[in-house]
Protein backbone atom coordinates (compact mmCIF):
# COMPACT_ATOMS: atom_id res chain seq x y z
CA MET A 1 -72.23 -17.67 17.49
CA SER A 2 -74.04 -19.54 14.76
CA ARG A 3 -75.44 -18.19 11.52
CA VAL A 4 -78.96 -18.82 12.82
CA VAL A 5 -78.33 -16.76 15.96
CA VAL A 6 -76.94 -13.91 13.86
CA ALA A 7 -79.98 -14.15 11.57
CA LEU A 8 -82.31 -13.94 14.57
CA ARG A 9 -80.30 -10.99 15.91
CA GLY A 10 -80.75 -9.31 12.53
CA ILE A 11 -84.49 -9.89 12.57
CA ALA A 12 -84.72 -8.39 16.04
CA ALA A 13 -82.60 -5.40 15.01
CA LEU A 14 -84.66 -4.72 11.90
CA ALA A 15 -88.08 -5.30 13.46
CA ARG A 16 -88.32 -1.63 14.41
CA ARG A 17 -87.09 -0.41 11.01
CA PRO A 18 -89.87 -1.16 8.49
CA ASP A 19 -88.22 1.30 6.09
CA LEU A 20 -85.37 -1.21 5.74
CA TRP A 21 -87.49 -4.35 5.33
CA PRO A 22 -87.40 -4.39 1.48
CA ALA A 23 -83.61 -4.00 1.48
CA ALA A 24 -83.28 -6.66 4.19
CA LEU A 25 -85.32 -9.13 2.15
CA GLY A 26 -83.16 -8.38 -0.89
CA ALA A 27 -79.96 -8.94 1.11
CA LEU A 28 -81.38 -12.17 2.52
CA ALA A 29 -82.25 -13.39 -0.98
CA ARG A 30 -78.71 -12.67 -2.17
CA LEU A 31 -77.07 -14.45 0.77
CA ALA A 32 -79.35 -17.50 0.94
CA PRO A 33 -78.05 -20.60 -0.82
CA PRO A 34 -80.11 -22.13 -3.62
CA ARG A 35 -82.86 -24.45 -2.37
CA TRP A 36 -82.22 -23.50 1.26
CA TRP A 37 -85.55 -25.04 2.27
CA ARG A 38 -84.22 -28.54 1.50
CA ARG A 39 -81.31 -28.48 3.98
CA PRO A 40 -81.11 -27.98 7.73
CA PRO A 41 -81.58 -25.57 9.43
CA PHE A 42 -84.35 -25.01 6.83
CA LEU A 43 -83.82 -21.26 7.02
CA PRO A 44 -82.44 -18.89 4.37
CA VAL A 45 -79.06 -18.50 6.08
CA PRO A 46 -75.79 -18.49 4.09
CA ASP A 47 -73.74 -21.63 3.56
CA ALA A 48 -71.32 -22.19 6.47
CA ASP A 49 -68.17 -21.83 4.33
CA TYR A 50 -69.45 -18.67 2.68
CA TRP A 51 -70.46 -17.28 6.08
CA ARG A 52 -66.98 -17.92 7.50
CA PHE A 53 -65.44 -16.17 4.49
CA ARG A 54 -67.74 -13.15 4.85
CA MET A 55 -67.12 -12.83 8.58
CA GLU A 56 -63.33 -13.09 8.13
CA THR A 57 -63.29 -10.48 5.35
CA ALA A 58 -65.47 -8.18 7.44
CA PHE A 59 -63.95 -8.65 10.90
CA GLY A 60 -60.59 -10.33 10.48
CA PRO A 61 -59.44 -13.73 11.69
CA ASP A 62 -61.26 -13.64 15.06
CA PRO A 63 -63.65 -16.63 14.75
CA GLY A 64 -65.88 -15.38 17.57
CA ARG A 65 -66.53 -11.91 16.14
CA ARG A 66 -70.01 -11.40 14.72
CA PRO A 67 -71.92 -8.32 13.59
CA SER A 68 -73.69 -6.28 16.23
CA ARG A 69 -77.30 -5.21 15.80
CA GLN A 70 -76.13 -1.73 14.79
CA GLU A 71 -73.75 -3.17 12.20
CA ILE A 72 -76.58 -5.23 10.74
CA ILE A 73 -78.76 -2.12 10.46
CA GLU A 74 -75.90 -0.17 8.88
CA TYR A 75 -75.28 -2.94 6.34
CA VAL A 76 -78.93 -3.13 5.32
CA ALA A 77 -79.13 0.68 5.11
CA TRP A 78 -76.06 0.59 2.84
CA CYS A 79 -77.78 -2.05 0.69
CA GLN A 80 -80.81 0.22 0.43
CA ARG A 81 -78.71 3.22 -0.59
CA SER A 82 -76.82 1.11 -3.13
CA ARG A 83 -79.90 -0.15 -4.95
CA PRO A 84 -80.09 1.14 -8.53
CA ASN A 85 -83.73 2.29 -8.19
CA PRO A 86 -84.46 3.11 -4.53
CA ARG A 87 -88.14 3.56 -3.80
């Protein structure tokens, strides 16, 4: 499953959670490579090597394992709780 598919899955998972939108945008900004708009797929998705590293550290060596919608929501909720000044 590609980074773009996982990004779209994340958008779908978070669409019904507007309370998490600010934290999701912050997480997206931290993961997006610099000048992402200049390189295909012209979306703010992480660099392929960085993505592979993150998926392996999160899920182990299984190359096909990707986060579920619930795991994406839990990650963004964790990001929100971890912010220094939650609003």
